[in-house]
Each structure stands twice: as structure tokens, then as C-alpha cells.
Amino acid sequence: MTAVYTITLVLLSVAGMLTLVRVLAGPSDLDRIVALDVLVILIVAGVAVEIGMRGEGWNIALVAVVALLGFLGSVTAARLVERQGAEN
């Protein structure tokens, strides 16, 4: 079972590196916002895999809160970019 956790964490790390490339080289602000949202999701998924690997469930609520804050931050940033686009 440890091999499955290891493979999962490696794949999440590769996805995180590719997402960082999109954050740095995104052609628009909305692309960067979506990439940051994906990065937050990947971090939450990595922490969830770590929770599953260790068998500790006391911090699941913390993971849910981080995911919710990441989503709210993305929505807020997207609305800000939309308003700035409407003003121009």
C-alpha cells in the first residue's frame, strides 16, 4: 500500500510543478487565477493522501477549510479581474 501512496504523491508533485509553470507563464490573469486554484486543490489532495497514509483523521476539518478558502479566494480574484476588464 505504501507504493500506491508514493506513486500518488509523485503524480501530485508533477502536477504541481506543471501548474506552477502555468502560474508563471500564464498568458492572462484569469489563467493564473485558475492555476492557483488548481495548486490549492493539489495541495489539499496531497494532504488528504498523507492523512490516509498515516491513518489520522483529526485534521480533516482543516483540509476542508483550506479547500473552501482556496475556492473563495479564486472566486473573489476572478470577480476582481472581471470588474477591471469591464472598466477598460
PDB file of N, CA and C in Angstrom:
ATOM      1  N   MET A   1       0.816  -1.194   0.000  1.00  0.00           N
ATOM      2  CA  MET A   1       0.000   0.000   0.000  1.00  0.00           C
ATOM      3  C   MET A   1       0.862   1.262   0.000  1.00  0.00           C
ATOM      4  N   THR A   2       2.060   1.175   0.534  1.00  0.00           N
ATOM      5  CA  THR A   2       2.946   2.327   0.557  1.00  0.00           C
ATOM      6  C   THR A   2       3.327   2.750  -0.858  1.00  0.00           C
ATOM      7  N   ALA A   3       3.424   1.802  -1.778  1.00  0.00           N
ATOM      8  CA  ALA A   3       3.765   2.133  -3.165  1.00  0.00           C
ATOM      9  C   ALA A   3       2.662   2.981  -3.799  1.00  0.00           C
ATOM     10  N   VAL A   4       1.430   2.679  -3.478  1.00  0.00           N
ATOM     11  CA  VAL A   4       0.311   3.459  -4.029  1.00  0.00           C
ATOM     12  C   VAL A   4       0.369   4.900  -3.523  1.00  0.00           C
ATOM     13  N   TYR A   5       0.623   5.063  -2.227  1.00  0.00           N
ATOM     14  CA  TYR A   5       0.740   6.412  -1.675  1.00  0.00           C
ATOM     15  C   TYR A   5       1.917   7.158  -2.296  1.00  0.00           C
ATOM     16  N   THR A   6       3.015   6.487  -2.470  1.00  0.00           N
ATOM     17  CA  THR A   6       4.202   7.112  -3.055  1.00  0.00           C
ATOM     18  C   THR A   6       3.944   7.542  -4.493  1.00  0.00           C
ATOM     19  N   ILE A   7       3.352   6.657  -5.280  1.00  0.00           N
ATOM     20  CA  ILE A   7       3.038   6.991  -6.676  1.00  0.00           C
ATOM     21  C   ILE A   7       2.062   8.157  -6.737  1.00  0.00           C
ATOM     22  N   THR A   8       1.071   8.151  -5.863  1.00  0.00           N
ATOM     23  CA  THR A   8       0.091   9.238  -5.842  1.00  0.00           C
ATOM     24  C   THR A   8       0.753  10.565  -5.498  1.00  0.00           C
ATOM     25  N   LEU A   9       1.613  10.570  -4.498  1.00  0.00           N
ATOM     26  CA  LEU A   9       2.291  11.813  -4.124  1.00  0.00           C
ATOM     27  C   LEU A   9       3.246  12.293  -5.212  1.00  0.00           C
ATOM     28  N   VAL A  10       3.894  11.375  -5.904  1.00  0.00           N
ATOM     29  CA  VAL A  10       4.777  11.764  -7.014  1.00  0.00           C
ATOM     30  C   VAL A  10       3.960  12.389  -8.139  1.00  0.00           C
ATOM     31  N   LEU A  11       2.832  11.779  -8.471  1.00  0.00           N
ATOM     32  CA  LEU A  11       1.989  12.333  -9.539  1.00  0.00           C
ATOM     33  C   LEU A  11       1.418  13.697  -9.150  1.00  0.00           C
ATOM     34  N   LEU A  12       1.037  13.851  -7.887  1.00  0.00           N
ATOM     35  CA  LEU A  12       0.561  15.161  -7.433  1.00  0.00           C
ATOM     36  C   LEU A  12       1.679  16.198  -7.485  1.00  0.00           C
ATOM     37  N   SER A  13       2.903  15.783  -7.175  1.00  0.00           N
ATOM     38  CA  SER A  13       4.042  16.713  -7.246  1.00  0.00           C
ATOM     39  C   SER A  13       4.316  17.140  -8.682  1.00  0.00           C
ATOM     40  N   VAL A  14       4.254  16.197  -9.612  1.00  0.00           N
ATOM     41  CA  VAL A  14       4.455  16.534 -11.033  1.00  0.00           C
ATOM     42  C   VAL A  14       3.361  17.489 -11.500  1.00  0.00           C
ATOM     43  N   ALA A  15       2.130  17.205 -11.106  1.00  0.00           N
ATOM     44  CA  ALA A  15       1.027  18.102 -11.474  1.00  0.00           C
ATOM     45  C   ALA A  15       1.226  19.486 -10.867  1.00  0.00           C
ATOM     46  N   GLY A  16       1.750  19.543  -9.644  1.00  0.00           N
ATOM     47  CA  GLY A  16       2.026  20.829  -9.010  1.00  0.00           C
ATOM     48  C   GLY A  16       3.100  21.615  -9.741  1.00  0.00           C
ATOM     49  N   MET A  17       4.139  20.932 -10.204  1.00  0.00           N
ATOM     50  CA  MET A  17       5.188  21.618 -10.962  1.00  0.00           C
ATOM     51  C   MET A  17       4.653  22.155 -12.289  1.00  0.00           C
ATOM     52  N   LEU A  18       3.843  21.363 -12.962  1.00  0.00           N
ATOM     53  CA  LEU A  18       3.245  21.831 -14.216  1.00  0.00           C
ATOM     54  C   LEU A  18       2.294  23.004 -13.976  1.00  0.00           C
ATOM     55  N   THR A  19       1.611  22.973 -12.851  1.00  0.00           N
ATOM     56  CA  THR A  19       0.714  24.078 -12.504  1.00  0.00           C
ATOM     57  C   THR A  19       1.507  25.341 -12.199  1.00  0.00           C
ATOM     58  N   LEU A  20       2.645  25.200 -11.543  1.00  0.00           N
ATOM     59  CA  LEU A  20       3.497  26.369 -11.286  1.00  0.00           C
ATOM     60  C   LEU A  20       3.989  26.995 -12.580  1.00  0.00           C
ATOM     61  N   VAL A  21       4.251  26.167 -13.589  1.00  0.00           N
ATOM     62  CA  VAL A  21       4.636  26.698 -14.900  1.00  0.00           C
ATOM     63  C   VAL A  21       3.506  27.550 -15.461  1.00  0.00           C
ATOM     64  N   ARG A  22       2.275  27.084 -15.302  1.00  0.00           N
ATOM     65  CA  ARG A  22       1.124  27.851 -15.803  1.00  0.00           C
ATOM     66  C   ARG A  22       0.944  29.135 -15.005  1.00  0.00           C
ATOM     67  N   VAL A  23       1.234  29.101 -13.711  1.00  0.00           N
ATOM     68  CA  VAL A  23       1.126  30.320 -12.899  1.00  0.00           C
ATOM     69  C   VAL A  23       2.136  31.355 -13.369  1.00  0.00           C
ATOM     70  N   LEU A  24       3.353  30.915 -13.656  1.00  0.00           N
ATOM     71  CA  LEU A  24       4.401  31.857 -14.051  1.00  0.00           C
ATOM     72  C   LEU A  24       4.267  32.321 -15.498  1.00  0.00           C
ATOM     73  N   ALA A  25       3.798  31.444 -16.381  1.00  0.00           N
ATOM     74  CA  ALA A  25       3.766  31.777 -17.801  1.00  0.00           C
ATOM     75  C   ALA A  25       2.354  31.953 -18.352  1.00  0.00           C
ATOM     76  N   GLY A  26       1.383  32.069 -17.468  1.00  0.00           N
ATOM     77  CA  GLY A  26       0.005  32.195 -17.945  1.00  0.00           C
ATOM     78  C   GLY A  26      -0.176  33.434 -18.793  1.00  0.00           C
ATOM     79  N   PRO A  27      -0.841  33.302 -19.922  1.00  0.00           N
ATOM     80  CA  PRO A  27      -0.983  34.469 -20.789  1.00  0.00           C
ATOM     81  C   PRO A  27      -1.915  35.545 -20.225  1.00  0.00           C
ATOM     82  N   SER A  28      -2.817  35.172 -19.331  1.00  0.00           N
ATOM     83  CA  SER A  28      -3.726  36.185 -18.778  1.00  0.00           C
ATOM     84  C   SER A  28      -3.845  35.995 -17.273  1.00  0.00           C
ATOM     85  N   ASP A  29      -4.447  36.991 -16.645  1.00  0.00           N
ATOM     86  CA  ASP A  29      -4.636  36.918 -15.195  1.00  0.00           C
ATOM     87  C   ASP A  29      -5.596  35.799 -14.812  1.00  0.00           C
ATOM     88  N   LEU A  30      -6.619  35.579 -15.623  1.00  0.00           N
ATOM     89  CA  LEU A  30      -7.566  34.506 -15.316  1.00  0.00           C
ATOM     90  C   LEU A  30      -6.902  33.139 -15.380  1.00  0.00           C
ATOM     91  N   ASP A  31      -5.969  32.944 -16.305  1.00  0.00           N
ATOM     92  CA  ASP A  31      -5.226  31.683 -16.366  1.00  0.00           C
ATOM     93  C   ASP A  31      -4.416  31.473 -15.086  1.00  0.00           C
ATOM     94  N   ARG A  32      -3.825  32.533 -14.598  1.00  0.00           N
ATOM     95  CA  ARG A  32      -3.047  32.436 -13.368  1.00  0.00           C
ATOM     96  C   ARG A  32      -3.950  32.144 -12.164  1.00  0.00           C
ATOM     97  N   ILE A  33      -5.130  32.742 -12.137  1.00  0.00           N
ATOM     98  CA  ILE A  33      -6.067  32.507 -11.039  1.00  0.00           C
ATOM     99  C   ILE A  33      -6.525  31.059 -11.027  1.00  0.00           C
ATOM    100  N   VAL A  34      -6.858  30.540 -12.189  1.00  0.00           N
ATOM    101  CA  VAL A  34      -7.280  29.138 -12.276  1.00  0.00           C
ATOM    102  C   VAL A  34      -6.134  28.216 -11.883  1.00  0.00           C
ATOM    103  N   ALA A  35      -4.918  28.542 -12.295  1.00  0.00           N
ATOM    104  CA  ALA A  35      -3.763  27.720 -11.940  1.00  0.00           C
ATOM    105  C   ALA A  35      -3.518  27.744 -10.435  1.00  0.00           C
ATOM    106  N   LEU A  36      -3.697  28.883  -9.805  1.00  0.00           N
ATOM    107  CA  LEU A  36      -3.545  28.945  -8.353  1.00  0.00           C
ATOM    108  C   LEU A  36      -4.616  28.127  -7.649  1.00  0.00           C
ATOM    109  N   ASP A  37      -5.834  28.139  -8.188  1.00  0.00           N
ATOM    110  CA  ASP A  37      -6.900  27.322  -7.624  1.00  0.00           C
ATOM    111  C   ASP A  37      -6.566  25.840  -7.758  1.00  0.00           C
ATOM    112  N   VAL A  38      -6.047  25.453  -8.901  1.00  0.00           N
ATOM    113  CA  VAL A  38      -5.630  24.058  -9.102  1.00  0.00           C
ATOM    114  C   VAL A  38      -4.499  23.708  -8.147  1.00  0.00           C
ATOM    115  N   LEU A  39      -3.587  24.625  -7.918  1.00  0.00           N
ATOM    116  CA  LEU A  39      -2.486  24.374  -6.993  1.00  0.00           C
ATOM    117  C   LEU A  39      -3.002  24.148  -5.573  1.00  0.00           C
ATOM    118  N   VAL A  40      -3.976  24.941  -5.155  1.00  0.00           N
ATOM    119  CA  VAL A  40      -4.573  24.741  -3.829  1.00  0.00           C
ATOM    120  C   VAL A  40      -5.239  23.369  -3.753  1.00  0.00           C
ATOM    121  N   ILE A  41      -5.933  22.981  -4.809  1.00  0.00           N
ATOM    122  CA  ILE A  41      -6.585  21.670  -4.837  1.00  0.00           C
ATOM    123  C   ILE A  41      -5.546  20.550  -4.763  1.00  0.00           C
ATOM    124  N   LEU A  42      -4.437  20.712  -5.470  1.00  0.00           N
ATOM    125  CA  LEU A  42      -3.386  19.695  -5.423  1.00  0.00           C
ATOM    126  C   LEU A  42      -2.762  19.593  -4.032  1.00  0.00           C
ATOM    127  N   ILE A  43      -2.590  20.714  -3.376  1.00  0.00           N
ATOM    128  CA  ILE A  43      -2.054  20.695  -2.013  1.00  0.00           C
ATOM    129  C   ILE A  43      -3.024  20.002  -1.068  1.00  0.00           C
ATOM    130  N   VAL A  44      -4.306  20.319  -1.202  1.00  0.00           N
ATOM    131  CA  VAL A  44      -5.323  19.665  -0.369  1.00  0.00           C
ATOM    132  C   VAL A  44      -5.347  18.162  -0.642  1.00  0.00           C
ATOM    133  N   ALA A  45      -5.233  17.779  -1.908  1.00  0.00           N
ATOM    134  CA  ALA A  45      -5.215  16.352  -2.241  1.00  0.00           C
ATOM    135  C   ALA A  45      -3.986  15.672  -1.660  1.00  0.00           C
ATOM    136  N   GLY A  46      -2.838  16.328  -1.714  1.00  0.00           N
ATOM    137  CA  GLY A  46      -1.624  15.774  -1.133  1.00  0.00           C
ATOM    138  C   GLY A  46      -1.746  15.594   0.371  1.00  0.00           C
ATOM    139  N   VAL A  47      -2.327  16.568   1.032  1.00  0.00           N
ATOM    140  CA  VAL A  47      -2.526  16.452   2.482  1.00  0.00           C
ATOM    141  C   VAL A  47      -3.528  15.338   2.787  1.00  0.00           C
ATOM    142  N   ALA A  48      -4.550  15.203   1.958  1.00  0.00           N
ATOM    143  CA  ALA A  48      -5.525  14.123   2.159  1.00  0.00           C
ATOM    144  C   ALA A  48      -4.876  12.754   1.982  1.00  0.00           C
ATOM    145  N   VAL A  49      -3.975  12.627   1.018  1.00  0.00           N
ATOM    146  CA  VAL A  49      -3.250  11.366   0.848  1.00  0.00           C
ATOM    147  C   VAL A  49      -2.371  11.102   2.067  1.00  0.00           C
ATOM    148  N   GLU A  50      -1.735  12.126   2.566  1.00  0.00           N
ATOM    149  CA  GLU A  50      -0.905  11.978   3.763  1.00  0.00           C
ATOM    150  C   GLU A  50      -1.752  11.563   4.970  1.00  0.00           C
ATOM    151  N   ILE A  51      -2.946  12.135   5.094  1.00  0.00           N
ATOM    152  CA  ILE A  51      -3.856  11.746   6.176  1.00  0.00           C
ATOM    153  C   ILE A  51      -4.228  10.274   6.039  1.00  0.00           C
ATOM    154  N   GLY A  52      -4.517   9.854   4.813  1.00  0.00           N
ATOM    155  CA  GLY A  52      -4.854   8.454   4.590  1.00  0.00           C
ATOM    156  C   GLY A  52      -3.696   7.524   4.873  1.00  0.00           C
ATOM    157  N   MET A  53      -2.498   7.960   4.541  1.00  0.00           N
ATOM    158  CA  MET A  53      -1.320   7.133   4.755  1.00  0.00           C
ATOM    159  C   MET A  53      -1.034   6.948   6.248  1.00  0.00           C
ATOM    160  N   ARG A  54      -1.198   8.012   7.002  1.00  0.00           N
ATOM    161  CA  ARG A  54      -0.918   7.936   8.443  1.00  0.00           C
ATOM    162  C   ARG A  54      -2.096   7.401   9.251  1.00  0.00           C
ATOM    163  N   GLY A  55      -3.292   7.463   8.682  1.00  0.00           N
ATOM    164  CA  GLY A  55      -4.456   6.973   9.397  1.00  0.00           C
ATOM    165  C   GLY A  55      -4.963   7.915  10.474  1.00  0.00           C
ATOM    166  N   GLU A  56      -4.597   9.174  10.375  1.00  0.00           N
ATOM    167  CA  GLU A  56      -5.046  10.170  11.350  1.00  0.00           C
ATOM    168  C   GLU A  56      -6.168  10.991  10.728  1.00  0.00           C
ATOM    169  N   GLY A  57      -7.251  11.127  11.434  1.00  0.00           N
ATOM    170  CA  GLY A  57      -8.381  11.854  10.886  1.00  0.00           C
ATOM    171  C   GLY A  57      -8.712  13.128  11.609  1.00  0.00           C
ATOM    172  N   TRP A  58      -7.853  13.554  12.519  1.00  0.00           N
ATOM    173  CA  TRP A  58      -8.194  14.723  13.331  1.00  0.00           C
ATOM    174  C   TRP A  58      -8.088  16.027  12.558  1.00  0.00           C
ATOM    175  N   ASN A  59      -7.400  16.060  11.433  1.00  0.00           N
ATOM    176  CA  ASN A  59      -7.225  17.323  10.712  1.00  0.00           C
ATOM    177  C   ASN A  59      -7.998  17.366   9.391  1.00  0.00           C
ATOM    178  N   ILE A  60      -9.010  16.561   9.250  1.00  0.00           N
ATOM    179  CA  ILE A  60      -9.825  16.595   8.038  1.00  0.00           C
ATOM    180  C   ILE A  60     -10.588  17.919   7.927  1.00  0.00           C
ATOM    181  N   ALA A  61     -11.052  18.440   9.045  1.00  0.00           N
ATOM    182  CA  ALA A  61     -11.763  19.721   9.029  1.00  0.00           C
ATOM    183  C   ALA A  61     -10.846  20.843   8.560  1.00  0.00           C
ATOM    184  N   LEU A  62      -9.593  20.789   8.939  1.00  0.00           N
ATOM    185  CA  LEU A  62      -8.625  21.792   8.495  1.00  0.00           C
ATOM    186  C   LEU A  62      -8.440  21.740   6.986  1.00  0.00           C
ATOM    187  N   VAL A  63      -8.393  20.551   6.434  1.00  0.00           N
ATOM    188  CA  VAL A  63      -8.257  20.385   4.985  1.00  0.00           C
ATOM    189  C   VAL A  63      -9.486  20.956   4.280  1.00  0.00           C
ATOM    190  N   ALA A  64     -10.663  20.710   4.828  1.00  0.00           N
ATOM    191  CA  ALA A  64     -11.891  21.247   4.232  1.00  0.00           C
ATOM    192  C   ALA A  64     -11.901  22.772   4.270  1.00  0.00           C
ATOM    193  N   VAL A  65     -11.439  23.349   5.356  1.00  0.00           N
ATOM    194  CA  VAL A  65     -11.398  24.810   5.471  1.00  0.00           C
ATOM    195  C   VAL A  65     -10.416  25.411   4.470  1.00  0.00           C
ATOM    196  N   VAL A  66      -9.258  24.787   4.306  1.00  0.00           N
ATOM    197  CA  VAL A  66      -8.268  25.282   3.336  1.00  0.00           C
ATOM    198  C   VAL A  66      -8.833  25.201   1.917  1.00  0.00           C
ATOM    199  N   ALA A  67      -9.524  24.111   1.600  1.00  0.00           N
ATOM    200  CA  ALA A  67     -10.131  23.979   0.274  1.00  0.00           C
ATOM    201  C   ALA A  67     -11.200  25.052   0.054  1.00  0.00           C
ATOM    202  N   LEU A  68     -12.003  25.310   1.066  1.00  0.00           N
ATOM    203  CA  LEU A  68     -13.038  26.336   0.946  1.00  0.00           C
ATOM    204  C   LEU A  68     -12.429  27.725   0.793  1.00  0.00           C
ATOM    205  N   LEU A  69     -11.387  28.018   1.548  1.00  0.00           N
ATOM    206  CA  LEU A  69     -10.730  29.323   1.420  1.00  0.00           C
ATOM    207  C   LEU A  69     -10.075  29.492   0.056  1.00  0.00           C
ATOM    208  N   GLY A  70      -9.498  28.423  -0.478  1.00  0.00           N
ATOM    209  CA  GLY A  70      -8.925  28.483  -1.814  1.00  0.00           C
ATOM    210  C   GLY A  70      -9.984  28.768  -2.861  1.00  0.00           C
ATOM    211  N   PHE A  71     -11.127  28.121  -2.733  1.00  0.00           N
ATOM    212  CA  PHE A  71     -12.221  28.355  -3.674  1.00  0.00           C
ATOM    213  C   PHE A  71     -12.735  29.784  -3.570  1.00  0.00           C
ATOM    214  N   LEU A  72     -12.959  30.258  -2.358  1.00  0.00           N
ATOM    215  CA  LEU A  72     -13.453  31.630  -2.185  1.00  0.00           C
ATOM    216  C   LEU A  72     -12.446  32.655  -2.682  1.00  0.00           C
ATOM    217  N   GLY A  73     -11.171  32.397  -2.483  1.00  0.00           N
ATOM    218  CA  GLY A  73     -10.142  33.302  -2.997  1.00  0.00           C
ATOM    219  C   GLY A  73     -10.139  33.352  -4.514  1.00  0.00           C
ATOM    220  N   SER A  74     -10.325  32.206  -5.143  1.00  0.00           N
ATOM    221  CA  SER A  74     -10.358  32.165  -6.607  1.00  0.00           C
ATOM    222  C   SER A  74     -11.571  32.900  -7.155  1.00  0.00           C
ATOM    223  N   VAL A  75     -12.707  32.695  -6.532  1.00  0.00           N
ATOM    224  CA  VAL A  75     -13.923  33.385  -6.982  1.00  0.00           C
ATOM    225  C   VAL A  75     -13.781  34.889  -6.805  1.00  0.00           C
ATOM    226  N   THR A  76     -13.230  35.303  -5.684  1.00  0.00           N
ATOM    227  CA  THR A  76     -13.038  36.734  -5.437  1.00  0.00           C
ATOM    228  C   THR A  76     -12.063  37.344  -6.437  1.00  0.00           C
ATOM    229  N   ALA A  77     -10.966  36.661  -6.709  1.00  0.00           N
ATOM    230  CA  ALA A  77      -9.985  37.172  -7.668  1.00  0.00           C
ATOM    231  C   ALA A  77     -10.574  37.223  -9.076  1.00  0.00           C
ATOM    232  N   ALA A  78     -11.359  36.226  -9.446  1.00  0.00           N
ATOM    233  CA  ALA A  78     -11.980  36.224 -10.771  1.00  0.00           C
ATOM    234  C   ALA A  78     -12.977  37.374 -10.908  1.00  0.00           C
ATOM    235  N   ARG A  79     -13.717  37.653  -9.862  1.00  0.00           N
ATOM    236  CA  ARG A  79     -14.652  38.787  -9.917  1.00  0.00           C
ATOM    237  C   ARG A  79     -13.902  40.109 -10.026  1.00  0.00           C
ATOM    238  N   LEU A  80     -12.764  40.218  -9.340  1.00  0.00           N
ATOM    239  CA  LEU A  80     -11.961  41.430  -9.417  1.00  0.00           C
ATOM    240  C   LEU A  80     -11.424  41.637 -10.829  1.00  0.00           C
ATOM    241  N   VAL A  81     -10.921  40.577 -11.439  1.00  0.00           N
ATOM    242  CA  VAL A  81     -10.409  40.683 -12.812  1.00  0.00           C
ATOM    243  C   VAL A  81     -11.543  41.029 -13.769  1.00  0.00           C
ATOM    244  N   GLU A  82     -12.727  40.463 -13.529  1.00  0.00           N
ATOM    245  CA  GLU A  82     -13.876  40.760 -14.390  1.00  0.00           C
ATOM    246  C   GLU A  82     -14.255  42.220 -14.289  1.00  0.00           C
ATOM    247  N   ARG A  83     -14.249  42.765 -13.085  1.00  0.00           N
ATOM    248  CA  ARG A  83     -14.585  44.190 -12.914  1.00  0.00           C
ATOM    249  C   ARG A  83     -13.541  45.082 -13.574  1.00  0.00           C
ATOM    250  N   GLN A  84     -12.271  44.718 -13.458  1.00  0.00           N
ATOM    251  CA  GLN A  84     -11.231  45.525 -14.082  1.00  0.00           C
ATOM    252  C   GLN A  84     -11.348  45.477 -15.589  1.00  0.00           C
ATOM    253  N   GLY A  85     -11.764  44.341 -16.135  1.00  0.00           N
ATOM    254  CA  GLY A  85     -11.963  44.221 -17.567  1.00  0.00           C
ATOM    255  C   GLY A  85     -13.143  45.049 -18.046  1.00  0.00           C
ATOM    256  N   ALA A  86     -14.181  45.172 -17.230  1.00  0.00           N
ATOM    257  CA  ALA A  86     -15.360  45.947 -17.605  1.00  0.00           C
ATOM    258  C   ALA A  86     -15.061  47.439 -17.574  1.00  0.00           C
ATOM    259  N   GLU A  87     -14.137  47.872 -16.719  1.00  0.00           N
ATOM    260  CA  GLU A  87     -13.786  49.293 -16.642  1.00  0.00           C
ATOM    261  C   GLU A  87     -12.958  49.743 -17.819  1.00  0.00           C
ATOM    262  N   ASN A  88     -12.205  48.831 -18.421  1.00  0.00           N
ATOM    263  CA  ASN A  88     -11.331  49.214 -19.542  1.00  0.00           C
ATOM    264  C   ASN A  88     -12.081  49.292 -20.827  1.00  0.00           C
TER     265      ASN A  88
END
